[in-house]
Amino acid sequence: MNLAINNKFERIYDLYEQIFDYFLLTYYDLNSEIENKYSVNEFKNKLETFADKHFLSAINDFNNEIQKLKNNFPSELVKLERISIEVQENFNQLVKYNLSNNEIISSLKSKIKDILIRINKI
């Protein structure tokens, strides 16, 4: 049983890494494309990059993994759900308004990592 749970933690941790990697890639894609080719409105209509598609996939997979483990660690995983929603909202603000705050993103990433570390110790 412990081995199966540990494998699930590895999956969640991998998804956590992917979420923030793709978030940053989308940010860089957005800024690069706007500076090089398009107006903001044109780019928003064309924003279907590798990074943003993979961000959305990773955040959905992350949320699904949280649901699978929720019965084992309800209080910690509820916190992860809330942070996941914040990450998604920040991503949506980035895409919609080209707004991103690195301090907020770093804080969210740190919060998720802390919870994952606590869960892994249980």
Protein backbone atom coordinates (compact mmCIF):
# COMPACT_ATOMS: atom_id res chain seq x y z
CA MET A 1 0.00 0.00 0.00
CA ASN A 2 2.75 2.48 0.85
CA LEU A 3 4.49 1.84 -2.45
CA ALA A 4 1.32 2.68 -4.39
CA ILE A 5 0.83 5.88 -2.41
CA ASN A 6 4.44 6.90 -2.97
CA ASN A 7 4.04 6.39 -6.71
CA LYS A 8 1.01 8.66 -6.61
CA PHE A 9 3.04 11.29 -4.77
CA GLU A 10 5.66 11.08 -7.48
CA ARG A 11 2.97 11.69 -10.09
CA ILE A 12 1.62 14.70 -8.19
CA TYR A 13 5.13 16.10 -7.74
CA ASP A 14 5.87 15.65 -11.45
CA LEU A 15 2.63 17.41 -12.33
CA TYR A 16 3.46 20.20 -9.89
CA GLU A 17 6.77 20.73 -11.71
CA GLN A 18 5.03 20.64 -15.11
CA ILE A 19 2.39 23.18 -14.07
CA PHE A 20 4.93 25.84 -13.21
CA ASP A 21 7.27 25.03 -16.08
CA TYR A 22 4.43 25.41 -18.58
CA PHE A 23 3.10 28.49 -16.81
CA LEU A 24 6.45 30.21 -17.29
CA LEU A 25 6.76 28.98 -20.88
CA THR A 26 3.33 30.39 -21.66
CA TYR A 27 4.35 33.68 -20.09
CA TYR A 28 7.49 33.80 -22.24
CA ASP A 29 5.54 32.74 -25.35
CA LEU A 30 2.98 35.46 -24.73
CA ASN A 31 5.58 38.17 -24.26
CA SER A 32 7.67 37.02 -27.20
CA GLU A 33 4.74 36.83 -29.59
CA ILE A 34 3.32 40.17 -28.57
CA GLU A 35 6.67 41.90 -28.97
CA ASN A 36 7.40 40.25 -32.31
CA LYS A 37 4.22 39.93 -34.34
CA TYR A 38 0.81 40.61 -33.00
CA SER A 39 -1.27 43.10 -31.16
CA VAL A 40 -2.44 41.84 -27.78
CA ASN A 41 -5.94 41.05 -29.09
CA GLU A 42 -4.65 39.15 -32.11
CA PHE A 43 -2.35 37.09 -29.95
CA LYS A 44 -5.05 36.25 -27.41
CA ASN A 45 -7.10 34.83 -30.25
CA LYS A 46 -4.14 32.70 -31.38
CA LEU A 47 -2.93 31.59 -27.94
CA GLU A 48 -2.85 27.85 -28.43
CA THR A 49 0.81 27.25 -27.88
CA PHE A 50 2.55 24.09 -26.79
CA ALA A 51 3.05 25.55 -23.32
CA ASP A 52 -0.49 26.72 -22.57
CA LYS A 53 -2.06 23.49 -23.82
CA HIS A 54 0.31 21.50 -21.65
CA PHE A 55 -0.27 23.80 -18.66
CA LEU A 56 -4.01 23.17 -18.87
CA SER A 57 -3.46 19.44 -19.25
CA ALA A 58 -1.04 19.32 -16.31
CA ILE A 59 -3.33 21.33 -14.01
CA ASN A 60 -6.27 19.06 -14.89
CA ASP A 61 -4.18 15.94 -14.25
CA PHE A 62 -2.94 17.46 -10.97
CA ASN A 63 -6.51 18.10 -9.84
CA ASN A 64 -7.51 14.55 -10.79
CA GLU A 65 -4.62 13.10 -8.75
CA ILE A 66 -5.65 15.23 -5.77
CA GLN A 67 -9.15 13.76 -5.96
CA LYS A 68 -7.77 10.20 -5.99
CA LEU A 69 -5.83 10.81 -2.75
CA LYS A 70 -8.33 13.07 -1.01
CA ASN A 71 -9.70 10.37 1.33
CA ASN A 72 -6.22 9.64 2.69
CA PHE A 73 -5.16 13.24 3.38
CA PRO A 74 -8.29 15.40 3.32
CA SER A 75 -7.06 18.57 5.01
CA GLU A 76 -3.80 18.82 3.06
CA LEU A 77 -5.41 18.05 -0.27
CA VAL A 78 -8.16 20.59 0.26
CA LYS A 79 -5.36 23.16 0.63
CA LEU A 80 -3.84 21.89 -2.62
CA GLU A 81 -7.19 22.28 -4.35
CA ARG A 82 -7.44 25.92 -3.25
CA ILE A 83 -3.90 26.66 -4.40
CA SER A 84 -4.55 24.90 -7.69
CA ILE A 85 -7.54 27.19 -8.25
CA GLU A 86 -5.33 30.22 -7.50
CA VAL A 87 -2.75 28.99 -10.01
CA GLN A 88 -5.46 28.54 -12.65
CA GLU A 89 -6.84 32.03 -11.93
CA ASN A 90 -3.37 33.56 -12.27
CA PHE A 91 -2.86 31.70 -15.53
CA ASN A 92 -6.19 33.00 -16.82
CA GLN A 93 -5.19 36.56 -15.88
CA LEU A 94 -1.92 36.09 -17.75
CA VAL A 95 -3.71 34.92 -20.89
CA LYS A 96 -6.56 37.41 -20.70
CA TYR A 97 -4.76 40.54 -19.54
CA ASN A 98 -1.05 39.71 -19.95
CA LEU A 99 -0.73 40.16 -16.18
CA SER A 100 1.58 37.99 -14.16
CA ASN A 101 3.17 38.54 -10.81
CA ASN A 102 6.27 36.41 -10.26
CA GLU A 103 6.08 36.85 -6.50
CA ILE A 104 2.55 35.42 -6.42
CA ILE A 105 3.52 32.53 -8.68
CA SER A 106 6.62 31.78 -6.59
CA SER A 107 4.52 31.88 -3.44
CA LEU A 108 1.95 29.47 -4.89
CA LYS A 109 4.69 27.12 -6.04
CA SER A 110 6.27 27.20 -2.59
CA LYS A 111 2.92 26.49 -0.88
CA ILE A 112 2.29 23.46 -3.07
CA LYS A 113 5.78 22.13 -2.48
CA ASP A 114 5.42 22.53 1.30
CA ILE A 115 2.14 20.60 1.32
CA LEU A 116 3.61 17.84 -0.83
CA ILE A 117 6.55 17.53 1.56
CA ARG A 118 4.19 17.32 4.57
CA ILE A 119 2.03 14.68 2.88
CA ASN A 120 5.06 12.60 1.96
CA LYS A 121 6.18 12.57 5.61
CA ILE A 122 2.82 11.24 6.83
